[in-house]
Amino acid sequence: MNRVANSRFAIESWDEKPYGEGQDLPKLSWAAVAKTFTGEIRGEGRVKYLMMHHRDGSASFVGLERVVGHLEGKTGSFVLQRSGIFEDGGAKQSYSVIAGAGMGKLRGPRSGYLGCRGRD
């Protein structure tokens, strides 16, 4: 059974650093990002993104995010796996909960969420 939690997040901090650049090579960077979630997921998230910046200003990214907070009245944490592209001023991404990564009261079946809908 696919389960979805609807939430919004606000980016609280973004610390990005290049780690692979060179002549005629695409820029590679990583970013440490802190977020606050509201809605069905309430809490804080910390994600590390790896990004490749395209010449047209878009960027492809992947990341792992630990969310600590509340879901369905339970307190604990879980890890989201994210991937997407930034283009035309916005991010389009997909994310899912990594099974077995839930802790506290969010351990077990609640780590079976296949997706979370959110907007920043």
N, C-alpha and C. Protein backbone atom coordinates (compact mmCIF):
# COMPACT_ATOMS: atom_id res chain seq x y z
N MET A 1 0.84 -1.18 0.00
CA MET A 1 0.00 0.00 0.00
C MET A 1 0.88 1.25 0.00
N ASN A 2 0.71 2.12 -0.98
CA ASN A 2 1.46 3.37 -1.04
C ASN A 2 0.86 4.36 -0.06
N ARG A 3 1.68 4.97 0.76
CA ARG A 3 1.23 5.98 1.72
C ARG A 3 1.98 7.26 1.43
N VAL A 4 1.27 8.37 1.53
CA VAL A 4 1.85 9.67 1.23
C VAL A 4 1.55 10.63 2.37
N ALA A 5 2.54 11.39 2.78
CA ALA A 5 2.36 12.43 3.78
C ALA A 5 2.50 13.79 3.09
N ASN A 6 1.54 14.67 3.30
CA ASN A 6 1.56 16.00 2.69
C ASN A 6 2.15 17.01 3.66
N SER A 7 3.20 17.68 3.23
CA SER A 7 3.88 18.65 4.07
C SER A 7 4.48 19.76 3.22
N ARG A 8 4.83 20.83 3.88
CA ARG A 8 5.59 21.91 3.26
C ARG A 8 6.90 22.03 4.02
N PHE A 9 7.91 22.53 3.33
CA PHE A 9 9.16 22.80 4.05
C PHE A 9 9.68 24.17 3.66
N ALA A 10 10.37 24.78 4.61
CA ALA A 10 11.04 26.05 4.38
C ALA A 10 12.53 25.81 4.57
N ILE A 11 13.34 26.33 3.67
CA ILE A 11 14.79 26.21 3.78
C ILE A 11 15.29 27.26 4.77
N GLU A 12 15.93 26.80 5.82
CA GLU A 12 16.44 27.68 6.88
C GLU A 12 17.88 28.10 6.61
N SER A 13 18.68 27.21 6.02
CA SER A 13 20.07 27.55 5.68
C SER A 13 20.52 26.69 4.50
N TRP A 14 21.47 27.24 3.73
CA TRP A 14 22.01 26.58 2.55
C TRP A 14 23.50 26.92 2.49
N ASP A 15 24.36 25.93 2.66
CA ASP A 15 25.81 26.14 2.62
C ASP A 15 26.36 25.26 1.49
N GLU A 16 26.69 25.89 0.38
CA GLU A 16 27.13 25.15 -0.82
C GLU A 16 28.59 25.43 -1.11
N LYS A 17 29.31 24.36 -1.49
CA LYS A 17 30.73 24.48 -1.80
C LYS A 17 31.04 23.64 -3.04
N PRO A 18 31.86 24.19 -3.97
CA PRO A 18 32.29 23.39 -5.12
C PRO A 18 33.30 22.32 -4.69
N TYR A 19 33.29 21.19 -5.37
CA TYR A 19 34.31 20.19 -5.08
C TYR A 19 34.91 19.60 -6.34
N GLY A 20 34.43 19.97 -7.48
CA GLY A 20 35.01 19.47 -8.72
C GLY A 20 34.77 20.45 -9.84
N GLU A 21 35.79 21.20 -10.18
CA GLU A 21 35.67 22.15 -11.28
C GLU A 21 36.91 22.05 -12.15
N GLY A 22 36.77 22.44 -13.36
CA GLY A 22 37.90 22.45 -14.26
C GLY A 22 37.47 22.97 -15.62
N GLN A 23 38.46 23.34 -16.40
CA GLN A 23 38.17 23.86 -17.73
C GLN A 23 37.42 22.80 -18.53
N ASP A 24 36.32 23.20 -19.15
CA ASP A 24 35.49 22.32 -19.98
C ASP A 24 34.86 21.17 -19.20
N LEU A 25 34.81 21.28 -17.86
CA LEU A 25 34.15 20.27 -17.03
C LEU A 25 32.94 20.90 -16.36
N PRO A 26 31.86 20.14 -16.18
CA PRO A 26 30.72 20.71 -15.45
C PRO A 26 31.09 20.90 -13.99
N LYS A 27 30.55 21.96 -13.39
CA LYS A 27 30.80 22.25 -11.97
C LYS A 27 30.08 21.20 -11.12
N LEU A 28 30.78 20.65 -10.14
CA LEU A 28 30.21 19.76 -9.15
C LEU A 28 30.26 20.47 -7.80
N SER A 29 29.19 20.35 -7.02
CA SER A 29 29.18 20.97 -5.70
C SER A 29 28.38 20.10 -4.74
N TRP A 30 28.53 20.40 -3.45
CA TRP A 30 27.71 19.77 -2.43
C TRP A 30 27.13 20.89 -1.59
N ALA A 31 25.95 20.62 -1.02
CA ALA A 31 25.31 21.62 -0.18
C ALA A 31 24.77 20.95 1.08
N ALA A 32 25.00 21.60 2.21
CA ALA A 32 24.40 21.20 3.48
C ALA A 32 23.22 22.14 3.71
N VAL A 33 22.02 21.55 3.85
CA VAL A 33 20.80 22.35 3.90
C VAL A 33 19.99 21.96 5.14
N ALA A 34 19.46 22.96 5.83
CA ALA A 34 18.56 22.74 6.98
C ALA A 34 17.18 23.22 6.58
N LYS A 35 16.15 22.43 6.96
CA LYS A 35 14.76 22.73 6.59
C LYS A 35 13.87 22.59 7.81
N THR A 36 12.73 23.28 7.76
CA THR A 36 11.67 23.10 8.74
C THR A 36 10.44 22.59 7.99
N PHE A 37 9.85 21.49 8.49
CA PHE A 37 8.67 20.88 7.89
C PHE A 37 7.42 21.26 8.67
N THR A 38 6.33 21.53 7.96
CA THR A 38 5.02 21.75 8.56
C THR A 38 4.00 20.91 7.79
N GLY A 39 2.90 20.59 8.41
CA GLY A 39 1.88 19.76 7.79
C GLY A 39 1.83 18.41 8.47
N GLU A 40 1.59 17.35 7.70
CA GLU A 40 1.54 16.01 8.28
C GLU A 40 2.89 15.58 8.85
N ILE A 41 3.97 16.07 8.28
CA ILE A 41 5.31 15.90 8.85
C ILE A 41 5.66 17.23 9.50
N ARG A 42 5.96 17.20 10.79
CA ARG A 42 6.36 18.40 11.51
C ARG A 42 7.72 18.14 12.13
N GLY A 43 8.66 18.99 11.80
CA GLY A 43 9.99 18.80 12.38
C GLY A 43 11.06 19.50 11.57
N GLU A 44 12.27 18.99 11.73
CA GLU A 44 13.43 19.58 11.06
C GLU A 44 14.13 18.53 10.22
N GLY A 45 14.63 18.97 9.08
CA GLY A 45 15.39 18.09 8.21
C GLY A 45 16.77 18.65 7.94
N ARG A 46 17.71 17.76 7.77
CA ARG A 46 19.08 18.13 7.37
C ARG A 46 19.44 17.22 6.20
N VAL A 47 19.81 17.84 5.10
CA VAL A 47 20.12 17.09 3.88
C VAL A 47 21.47 17.51 3.35
N LYS A 48 22.16 16.56 2.73
CA LYS A 48 23.39 16.84 1.98
C LYS A 48 23.06 16.52 0.53
N TYR A 49 23.19 17.52 -0.32
CA TYR A 49 22.97 17.35 -1.75
C TYR A 49 24.32 17.29 -2.47
N LEU A 50 24.41 16.44 -3.47
CA LEU A 50 25.49 16.47 -4.45
C LEU A 50 24.86 16.99 -5.74
N MET A 51 25.51 17.97 -6.38
CA MET A 51 24.91 18.62 -7.55
C MET A 51 25.90 18.71 -8.70
N MET A 52 25.34 18.63 -9.90
CA MET A 52 26.08 18.92 -11.11
C MET A 52 25.36 20.06 -11.80
N HIS A 53 26.11 21.14 -12.04
CA HIS A 53 25.54 22.34 -12.63
C HIS A 53 25.73 22.30 -14.15
N HIS A 54 24.63 22.46 -14.87
CA HIS A 54 24.67 22.48 -16.33
C HIS A 54 24.98 23.89 -16.82
N ARG A 55 25.49 24.00 -18.02
CA ARG A 55 25.85 25.29 -18.58
C ARG A 55 24.65 26.23 -18.74
N ASP A 56 23.46 25.67 -18.88
CA ASP A 56 22.26 26.50 -19.06
C ASP A 56 21.71 27.04 -17.74
N GLY A 57 22.39 26.79 -16.61
CA GLY A 57 21.95 27.29 -15.32
C GLY A 57 21.13 26.28 -14.52
N SER A 58 20.75 25.18 -15.13
CA SER A 58 20.03 24.14 -14.39
C SER A 58 21.04 23.28 -13.63
N ALA A 59 20.54 22.43 -12.75
CA ALA A 59 21.42 21.55 -11.97
C ALA A 59 20.69 20.24 -11.69
N SER A 60 21.42 19.14 -11.75
CA SER A 60 20.91 17.83 -11.34
C SER A 60 21.42 17.56 -9.93
N PHE A 61 20.59 16.92 -9.09
CA PHE A 61 21.02 16.69 -7.71
C PHE A 61 20.48 15.39 -7.15
N VAL A 62 21.20 14.87 -6.15
CA VAL A 62 20.78 13.74 -5.33
C VAL A 62 21.07 14.11 -3.89
N GLY A 63 20.35 13.49 -2.95
CA GLY A 63 20.61 13.80 -1.55
C GLY A 63 19.98 12.80 -0.61
N LEU A 64 20.51 12.78 0.61
CA LEU A 64 19.95 12.01 1.70
C LEU A 64 19.62 13.00 2.82
N GLU A 65 18.41 12.89 3.35
CA GLU A 65 17.93 13.83 4.36
C GLU A 65 17.38 13.09 5.57
N ARG A 66 17.89 13.43 6.74
CA ARG A 66 17.32 12.91 7.99
C ARG A 66 16.30 13.92 8.49
N VAL A 67 15.07 13.45 8.70
CA VAL A 67 14.00 14.27 9.24
C VAL A 67 13.73 13.80 10.67
N VAL A 68 13.75 14.73 11.61
CA VAL A 68 13.48 14.44 13.01
C VAL A 68 12.22 15.23 13.38
N GLY A 69 11.20 14.51 13.86
CA GLY A 69 9.98 15.23 14.22
C GLY A 69 8.82 14.30 14.46
N HIS A 70 7.65 14.71 13.96
CA HIS A 70 6.38 14.03 14.23
C HIS A 70 5.68 13.66 12.93
N LEU A 71 5.09 12.47 12.91
CA LEU A 71 4.27 11.99 11.80
C LEU A 71 3.20 11.09 12.42
N GLU A 72 1.94 11.37 12.10
CA GLU A 72 0.82 10.58 12.62
C GLU A 72 0.84 10.49 14.15
N GLY A 73 1.22 11.58 14.81
CA GLY A 73 1.24 11.60 16.27
C GLY A 73 2.41 10.87 16.90
N LYS A 74 3.31 10.37 16.10
CA LYS A 74 4.49 9.63 16.60
C LYS A 74 5.72 10.49 16.44
N THR A 75 6.66 10.35 17.38
CA THR A 75 7.91 11.10 17.35
C THR A 75 9.07 10.18 17.01
N GLY A 76 9.97 10.66 16.19
CA GLY A 76 11.15 9.89 15.83
C GLY A 76 11.85 10.53 14.65
N SER A 77 12.50 9.70 13.84
CA SER A 77 13.20 10.20 12.66
C SER A 77 13.12 9.17 11.55
N PHE A 78 13.38 9.63 10.33
CA PHE A 78 13.45 8.77 9.16
C PHE A 78 14.35 9.44 8.15
N VAL A 79 14.75 8.72 7.12
CA VAL A 79 15.67 9.25 6.11
C VAL A 79 14.98 9.23 4.75
N LEU A 80 15.04 10.39 4.07
CA LEU A 80 14.51 10.52 2.72
C LEU A 80 15.64 10.43 1.71
N GLN A 81 15.39 9.74 0.62
CA GLN A 81 16.31 9.72 -0.52
C GLN A 81 15.71 10.63 -1.57
N ARG A 82 16.48 11.62 -2.02
CA ARG A 82 15.98 12.64 -2.96
C ARG A 82 16.78 12.63 -4.26
N SER A 83 16.10 12.95 -5.36
CA SER A 83 16.79 13.19 -6.63
C SER A 83 15.93 14.12 -7.46
N GLY A 84 16.59 14.94 -8.27
CA GLY A 84 15.81 15.87 -9.07
C GLY A 84 16.67 16.78 -9.92
N ILE A 85 16.00 17.81 -10.43
CA ILE A 85 16.65 18.81 -11.27
C ILE A 85 16.13 20.18 -10.88
N PHE A 86 17.02 21.15 -10.90
CA PHE A 86 16.66 22.54 -10.69
C PHE A 86 16.71 23.21 -12.05
N GLU A 87 15.58 23.78 -12.47
CA GLU A 87 15.53 24.49 -13.76
C GLU A 87 14.41 25.51 -13.72
N ASP A 88 14.56 26.55 -14.51
CA ASP A 88 13.56 27.61 -14.61
C ASP A 88 13.17 28.16 -13.23
N GLY A 89 14.13 28.27 -12.32
CA GLY A 89 13.90 28.87 -11.02
C GLY A 89 13.25 27.99 -9.97
N GLY A 90 13.07 26.69 -10.26
CA GLY A 90 12.45 25.81 -9.27
C GLY A 90 12.99 24.40 -9.35
N ALA A 91 12.79 23.66 -8.27
CA ALA A 91 13.26 22.28 -8.20
C ALA A 91 12.10 21.33 -8.49
N LYS A 92 12.38 20.32 -9.29
CA LYS A 92 11.46 19.22 -9.54
C LYS A 92 12.17 17.98 -9.01
N GLN A 93 11.55 17.31 -8.05
CA GLN A 93 12.26 16.20 -7.42
C GLN A 93 11.32 15.09 -7.04
N SER A 94 11.93 13.95 -6.83
CA SER A 94 11.19 12.82 -6.27
C SER A 94 11.92 12.41 -5.01
N TYR A 95 11.17 11.88 -4.05
CA TYR A 95 11.79 11.43 -2.82
C TYR A 95 10.97 10.32 -2.22
N SER A 96 11.67 9.48 -1.49
CA SER A 96 11.01 8.36 -0.82
C SER A 96 11.72 8.08 0.49
N VAL A 97 10.99 7.46 1.40
CA VAL A 97 11.56 7.08 2.68
C VAL A 97 12.37 5.80 2.49
N ILE A 98 13.57 5.77 3.04
CA ILE A 98 14.40 4.57 2.95
C ILE A 98 13.91 3.58 4.00
N ALA A 99 13.45 2.43 3.55
CA ALA A 99 12.94 1.40 4.45
C ALA A 99 14.02 0.98 5.44
N GLY A 100 13.63 0.82 6.70
CA GLY A 100 14.55 0.40 7.74
C GLY A 100 15.34 1.53 8.36
N ALA A 101 15.14 2.78 7.90
CA ALA A 101 15.91 3.91 8.43
C ALA A 101 15.14 4.68 9.49
N GLY A 102 13.92 4.25 9.83
CA GLY A 102 13.13 4.93 10.84
C GLY A 102 13.65 4.63 12.24
N MET A 103 13.58 5.62 13.12
CA MET A 103 14.02 5.47 14.51
C MET A 103 12.93 5.98 15.44
N GLY A 104 13.02 5.62 16.70
CA GLY A 104 12.03 6.03 17.68
C GLY A 104 10.68 5.42 17.35
N LYS A 105 9.63 6.19 17.53
CA LYS A 105 8.27 5.72 17.25
C LYS A 105 7.97 5.67 15.75
N LEU A 106 8.90 6.13 14.92
CA LEU A 106 8.72 6.06 13.46
C LEU A 106 9.47 4.87 12.86
N ARG A 107 9.88 3.96 13.71
CA ARG A 107 10.52 2.72 13.28
C ARG A 107 9.43 1.77 12.79
N GLY A 108 9.81 0.83 11.97
CA GLY A 108 8.86 -0.22 11.57
C GLY A 108 8.01 0.17 10.38
N PRO A 109 6.71 -0.10 10.43
CA PRO A 109 5.87 0.10 9.26
C PRO A 109 5.87 1.52 8.73
N ARG A 110 6.08 2.49 9.61
CA ARG A 110 6.05 3.88 9.15
C ARG A 110 7.21 4.21 8.22
N SER A 111 8.24 3.37 8.22
CA SER A 111 9.34 3.61 7.29
C SER A 111 8.97 3.11 5.89
N GLY A 112 7.75 2.61 5.72
CA GLY A 112 7.31 2.14 4.42
C GLY A 112 6.69 3.20 3.54
N TYR A 113 6.71 4.48 3.98
CA TYR A 113 6.17 5.53 3.11
C TYR A 113 6.96 5.55 1.81
N LEU A 114 6.25 5.53 0.71
CA LEU A 114 6.92 5.54 -0.59
C LEU A 114 7.15 6.95 -1.09
N GLY A 115 6.45 7.89 -0.52
CA GLY A 115 6.66 9.24 -0.99
C GLY A 115 6.08 10.26 -0.04
N CYS A 116 6.55 11.47 -0.17
CA CYS A 116 6.04 12.60 0.59
C CYS A 116 5.83 13.72 -0.41
N ARG A 117 4.70 14.37 -0.32
CA ARG A 117 4.47 15.51 -1.18
C ARG A 117 4.83 16.74 -0.40
N GLY A 118 5.53 17.64 -1.01
CA GLY A 118 5.91 18.85 -0.30
C GLY A 118 6.18 19.99 -1.24
N ARG A 119 6.11 21.18 -0.69
CA ARG A 119 6.48 22.38 -1.45
C ARG A 119 7.30 23.25 -0.55
N ASP A 120 8.28 23.91 -1.16
CA ASP A 120 9.07 24.83 -0.35
C ASP A 120 8.50 26.21 -0.48
